N, C-alpha and C. Protein backbone atom coordinates (compact mmCIF):
# COMPACT_ATOMS: atom_id res chain seq x y z
N MET A 1 12.92 7.55 -0.34
CA MET A 1 10.50 7.03 -0.65
C MET A 1 9.96 8.10 0.34
N ARG A 2 8.99 8.13 -0.18
CA ARG A 2 8.20 9.33 0.78
C ARG A 2 7.30 8.54 1.01
N ILE A 3 6.42 8.78 2.44
CA ILE A 3 5.63 7.41 2.63
C ILE A 3 3.96 9.03 3.36
N GLN A 4 3.20 8.77 2.41
CA GLN A 4 1.70 9.68 2.66
C GLN A 4 0.51 9.18 3.58
N ILE A 5 -0.18 9.35 4.72
CA ILE A 5 -0.20 8.66 5.52
C ILE A 5 -1.44 9.38 5.48
N HIS A 6 -3.15 9.16 4.74
CA HIS A 6 -3.99 10.26 5.44
C HIS A 6 -5.36 9.00 6.69
N ALA A 7 -5.24 9.57 7.25
CA ALA A 7 -6.01 8.73 8.40
C ALA A 7 -6.82 9.80 9.39
N ASP A 8 -7.48 9.63 10.13
CA ASP A 8 -8.45 10.32 10.70
C ASP A 8 -7.65 10.33 12.53
N ASN A 9 -6.82 8.96 12.52
CA ASN A 9 -6.78 8.81 14.21
C ASN A 9 -5.01 8.75 14.55
N ALA A 10 -4.39 9.47 14.86
CA ALA A 10 -3.33 9.62 14.77
C ALA A 10 -2.65 8.36 15.93
N ALA A 11 -3.49 7.39 16.01
CA ALA A 11 -3.32 5.99 16.90
C ALA A 11 -2.99 5.03 15.40
N VAL A 12 -4.14 5.50 14.38
CA VAL A 12 -3.90 4.99 13.97
C VAL A 12 -2.72 5.45 12.82
N LYS A 13 -2.29 6.28 12.52
CA LYS A 13 -1.12 6.45 11.78
C LYS A 13 0.08 6.36 11.79
N SER A 14 0.09 6.09 13.19
CA SER A 14 1.09 5.32 13.80
C SER A 14 1.05 3.33 13.75
N ARG A 15 0.07 3.49 13.75
CA ARG A 15 0.62 1.77 13.14
C ARG A 15 0.01 1.02 11.53
N VAL A 16 0.23 2.40 11.12
CA VAL A 16 0.14 2.08 9.43
C VAL A 16 1.00 2.65 9.08
N GLU A 17 1.98 3.62 9.14
CA GLU A 17 3.70 3.87 9.28
C GLU A 17 3.94 2.92 9.69
N GLN A 18 4.04 1.59 10.77
CA GLN A 18 5.23 0.56 11.07
C GLN A 18 4.18 -0.37 10.07
N LEU A 19 3.88 -0.36 9.58
CA LEU A 19 3.05 -1.84 9.45
C LEU A 19 3.86 -0.58 7.39
N SER A 20 3.88 -0.09 7.02
CA SER A 20 4.19 -0.17 5.45
C SER A 20 6.32 0.38 6.02
N ARG A 21 5.95 0.76 6.45
CA ARG A 21 7.61 0.55 7.08
C ARG A 21 8.27 -0.95 6.63
N PHE A 22 7.64 -1.65 7.61
CA PHE A 22 7.89 -3.51 7.90
C PHE A 22 8.00 -3.53 6.11
N TYR A 23 6.57 -3.14 5.57
CA TYR A 23 6.60 -4.18 4.21
C TYR A 23 7.53 -3.30 3.18
N LEU A 24 7.75 -2.36 3.04
CA LEU A 24 8.39 -1.94 1.72
C LEU A 24 10.13 -1.48 2.68
N THR A 25 10.80 -2.43 3.78
CA THR A 25 11.81 -1.65 3.26
C THR A 25 12.79 -2.11 2.44
N CYS A 26 12.81 -3.57 1.80
CA CYS A 26 13.28 -3.90 1.52
C CYS A 26 12.91 -3.09 -0.36
N LEU A 27 11.85 -2.68 -0.46
CA LEU A 27 11.23 -1.89 -2.36
C LEU A 27 12.17 -0.23 -1.79
N HIS A 28 12.79 0.17 -1.78
CA HIS A 28 13.51 1.51 -0.83
C HIS A 28 14.02 1.79 -1.93
N GLY A 29 14.98 1.32 -2.55
CA GLY A 29 15.11 2.00 -4.29
C GLY A 29 14.73 2.12 -5.50
N GLN A 30 13.75 1.19 -5.42
CA GLN A 30 11.68 0.78 -6.41
C GLN A 30 11.07 2.13 -6.50
N LEU A 31 11.37 2.25 -4.89
CA LEU A 31 9.99 3.87 -5.14
C LEU A 31 10.20 4.70 -4.44
N GLU A 32 9.21 5.62 -5.92
CA GLU A 32 9.76 6.47 -5.63
C GLU A 32 8.40 7.42 -3.80
N SER A 33 7.32 7.53 -4.21
CA SER A 33 6.60 7.96 -2.80
C SER A 33 5.35 7.01 -3.00
N ILE A 34 5.37 6.67 -2.02
CA ILE A 34 3.53 5.92 -1.71
C ILE A 34 2.71 6.58 -0.54
N GLU A 35 1.64 6.14 -1.18
CA GLU A 35 0.24 7.22 -0.48
C GLU A 35 -0.97 6.20 0.74
N LEU A 36 -1.17 6.58 1.77
CA LEU A 36 -2.17 5.03 2.03
C LEU A 36 -3.61 6.08 2.02
N GLY A 37 -4.38 5.00 1.97
CA GLY A 37 -5.75 6.28 3.00
C GLY A 37 -6.61 5.54 2.99
N ILE A 38 -6.94 5.69 4.50
CA ILE A 38 -7.87 5.03 6.08
C ILE A 38 -9.01 5.31 5.46
N ASP A 39 -10.11 4.76 5.54
CA ASP A 39 -11.68 5.03 5.28
C ASP A 39 -11.99 3.50 6.10
N ASP A 40 -13.19 4.73 7.28
CA ASP A 40 -14.33 3.50 7.40
C ASP A 40 -15.56 3.79 6.43
N ILE A 41 -15.76 2.66 6.76
CA ILE A 41 -17.27 2.16 4.86
C ILE A 41 -18.08 1.77 5.83
N LEU A 42 -19.49 1.51 5.55
CA LEU A 42 -20.73 0.68 6.00
C LEU A 42 -20.95 -0.48 4.01
N ASP A 43 -20.95 -1.75 5.43
CA ASP A 43 -21.05 -2.58 3.89
C ASP A 43 -22.60 -2.80 3.94
N PRO A 44 -23.66 -3.29 2.56
CA PRO A 44 -24.50 -2.75 2.47
C PRO A 44 -25.60 -3.99 3.23
N LEU A 45 -25.18 -4.29 4.29
CA LEU A 45 -25.84 -5.43 5.37
C LEU A 45 -25.26 -3.29 6.96
N GLY A 46 -24.78 -2.64 6.71
CA GLY A 46 -24.72 -2.03 7.82
C GLY A 46 -23.64 -2.52 8.50
N GLN A 47 -22.65 -3.28 8.39
CA GLN A 47 -21.70 -3.60 9.25
C GLN A 47 -20.21 -2.30 8.51
N ALA A 48 -19.48 -2.05 9.64
CA ALA A 48 -18.35 -1.04 9.62
C ALA A 48 -17.41 -2.54 8.96
N LEU A 49 -17.11 -1.67 7.92
CA LEU A 49 -15.07 -1.80 7.66
C LEU A 49 -14.50 -0.97 7.53
N LYS A 50 -13.04 -1.32 7.21
CA LYS A 50 -11.79 -0.29 6.88
C LYS A 50 -11.39 -0.98 5.88
N ARG A 51 -11.56 0.47 4.44
CA ARG A 51 -10.65 0.80 3.10
C ARG A 51 -9.84 1.20 3.55
N CYS A 52 -8.66 0.43 3.10
CA CYS A 52 -7.22 0.87 2.93
C CYS A 52 -7.20 1.45 1.01
N ARG A 53 -6.20 2.39 0.27
CA ARG A 53 -6.25 2.39 -0.56
C ARG A 53 -4.28 2.66 -0.70
N VAL A 54 -3.95 2.16 -1.25
CA VAL A 54 -2.30 2.27 -1.53
C VAL A 54 -1.97 2.34 -3.03
N SER A 55 -1.83 4.16 -2.87
CA SER A 55 -1.55 4.39 -4.01
C SER A 55 0.44 4.58 -4.67
N ALA A 56 0.60 3.51 -5.23
CA ALA A 56 2.44 3.68 -5.05
C ALA A 56 3.67 4.57 -6.35
N ARG A 57 3.75 4.50 -6.56
CA ARG A 57 4.96 5.40 -7.81
C ARG A 57 6.00 5.11 -8.01
N LEU A 58 6.15 4.30 -9.01
CA LEU A 58 7.81 3.52 -8.53
C LEU A 58 8.57 4.62 -9.08
N GLY A 59 9.85 4.59 -9.07
CA GLY A 59 10.85 5.68 -10.32
C GLY A 59 10.81 5.31 -11.26
N GLN A 60 10.63 4.66 -12.08
CA GLN A 60 9.99 5.12 -13.50
C GLN A 60 9.28 5.21 -14.16
N GLY A 61 8.23 6.39 -12.81
CA GLY A 61 6.72 6.72 -13.15
C GLY A 61 5.70 5.86 -13.26
N ASP A 62 6.03 5.18 -13.07
CA ASP A 62 4.34 3.85 -13.85
C ASP A 62 4.08 4.15 -12.13
N THR A 63 2.57 4.13 -11.90
CA THR A 63 1.76 4.61 -10.35
C THR A 63 1.28 3.45 -10.01
N LEU A 64 0.84 2.86 -9.59
CA LEU A 64 0.50 1.05 -9.07
C LEU A 64 -0.94 2.21 -7.60
N GLN A 65 -2.10 1.18 -7.89
CA GLN A 65 -3.06 1.33 -7.07
C GLN A 65 -3.97 -0.11 -6.86
N PHE A 66 -4.31 0.19 -5.58
CA PHE A 66 -4.18 -1.74 -4.77
C PHE A 66 -5.67 -1.11 -3.85
N ILE A 67 -6.34 -1.47 -3.87
CA ILE A 67 -7.71 -1.20 -2.17
C ILE A 67 -7.88 -2.30 -1.81
N GLU A 68 -7.82 -2.64 -0.26
CA GLU A 68 -8.46 -3.56 0.45
C GLU A 68 -9.55 -3.60 1.23
N ILE A 69 -10.48 -3.93 1.64
CA ILE A 69 -11.46 -4.06 2.73
C ILE A 69 -11.39 -5.03 3.38
N GLN A 70 -11.77 -4.74 4.74
CA GLN A 70 -11.33 -5.79 5.49
C GLN A 70 -12.38 -4.98 6.82
N ALA A 71 -12.63 -6.54 7.45
CA ALA A 71 -14.05 -5.47 9.25
C ALA A 71 -12.65 -5.14 10.09
N ASP A 72 -10.87 -5.31 9.71
CA ASP A 72 -9.62 -5.54 10.93
C ASP A 72 -9.13 -4.64 9.91
N LEU A 73 -8.57 -2.90 10.94
CA LEU A 73 -7.83 -2.42 9.90
C LEU A 73 -6.64 -3.00 9.60
N ALA A 74 -6.26 -3.70 10.71
CA ALA A 74 -4.57 -4.00 11.05
C ALA A 74 -4.58 -5.15 9.94
N LEU A 75 -5.72 -5.60 9.34
CA LEU A 75 -5.80 -7.09 8.15
C LEU A 75 -5.61 -5.84 6.75
N ALA A 76 -6.33 -5.28 6.78
CA ALA A 76 -7.23 -4.17 5.09
C ALA A 76 -5.33 -3.94 5.23
N VAL A 77 -4.83 -3.52 5.91
CA VAL A 77 -3.28 -2.38 6.02
C VAL A 77 -2.53 -3.79 5.43
N SER A 78 -2.41 -3.82 6.49
CA SER A 78 -1.09 -5.51 5.09
C SER A 78 -1.37 -6.12 4.10
N ARG A 79 -2.76 -6.76 3.88
CA ARG A 79 -3.21 -7.19 2.70
C ARG A 79 -2.68 -6.55 1.65
N ALA A 80 -3.06 -5.16 1.57
CA ALA A 80 -3.35 -4.00 0.91
C ALA A 80 -1.66 -4.11 0.09
N LEU A 81 -0.26 -3.43 1.52
CA LEU A 81 0.58 -4.09 1.46
C LEU A 81 1.13 -4.61 0.22
N GLU A 82 1.12 -5.55 0.92
CA GLU A 82 1.46 -6.65 0.32
C GLU A 82 0.76 -7.16 -0.73
N ARG A 83 0.20 -6.85 -0.91
CA ARG A 83 0.06 -7.19 -2.43
C ARG A 83 0.35 -5.22 -3.72
N ALA A 84 0.61 -4.59 -2.47
CA ALA A 84 1.01 -3.88 -3.54
C ALA A 84 3.31 -4.18 -3.91
N SER A 85 3.49 -5.20 -2.30
CA SER A 85 4.16 -5.41 -1.79
C SER A 85 5.35 -6.03 -3.13
N ARG A 86 4.45 -7.38 -3.65
CA ARG A 86 4.68 -8.59 -4.45
C ARG A 86 4.12 -7.88 -5.80
N THR A 87 3.65 -6.81 -5.66
CA THR A 87 3.22 -6.84 -7.56
C THR A 87 4.79 -5.82 -7.80
N ILE A 88 5.05 -5.12 -6.92
CA ILE A 88 6.56 -4.49 -7.31
C ILE A 88 7.32 -5.04 -7.69
N ARG A 89 7.91 -6.13 -6.56
CA ARG A 89 9.02 -7.39 -6.93
C ARG A 89 8.76 -7.92 -8.27
N ARG A 90 7.84 -8.23 -8.87
CA ARG A 90 7.14 -9.12 -9.80
C ARG A 90 7.82 -8.37 -11.33
N ARG A 91 7.35 -6.79 -10.91
CA ARG A 91 7.49 -5.69 -11.82
C ARG A 91 8.84 -5.31 -12.08
N SER A 92 9.78 -5.83 -11.17
CA SER A 92 12.20 -4.80 -11.26
C SER A 92 11.85 -6.70 -11.81
N ALA A 93 11.26 -7.44 -10.98
CA ALA A 93 11.90 -9.01 -11.49
C ALA A 93 11.94 -9.44 -13.05
N LEU A 94 10.46 -8.43 -13.85
CA LEU A 94 10.58 -8.26 -15.28
C LEU A 94 10.62 -7.58 -15.88
N ARG A 95 11.67 -6.47 -16.21
CA ARG A 95 12.31 -5.06 -16.01
C ARG A 95 13.58 -5.80 -16.33
N ARG A 96 14.45 -6.71 -15.62
CA ARG A 96 15.51 -7.53 -15.46
C ARG A 96 15.94 -8.76 -16.58
N LEU A 97 15.23 -8.70 -17.24
CA LEU A 97 14.31 -10.32 -17.76
C LEU A 97 14.85 -9.68 -19.06
N VAL A 98 14.19 -8.69 -19.42
CA VAL A 98 12.79 -8.34 -20.94
C VAL A 98 15.06 -7.42 -21.03
N PRO A 99 14.91 -7.57 -22.26
CA PRO A 99 16.28 -6.92 -22.50
C PRO A 99 15.62 -5.41 -23.68
N THR A 100 17.00 -4.13 -22.54
CA THR A 100 15.82 -2.98 -22.99
C THR A 100 16.83 -2.44 -24.48
N GLY A 101 16.30 -1.66 -26.11
CA GLY A 101 16.41 -1.24 -26.87
C GLY A 101 17.80 -2.88 -27.21
């Protein structure tokens, strides 16, 4: 599994890498690659928020994308990775249940 992280700060990049390894360790054989992008955005009231974009490429060639926006960086990243992990596990379970050809 290849992990790419797009962030401006080295400390942020390190923390995001720690979180991604924690959430995605059990999915090592099912993921081909994953890209995480961290951006600072402003909401309509001018409050600074963090946006985490996750793009996961599965071994079967499918690509899943998740976006999470929160005030806290760790919360945005952990929620996006949790959603990705849960969806990938659910898809894997469905593939085992559905007989092919």
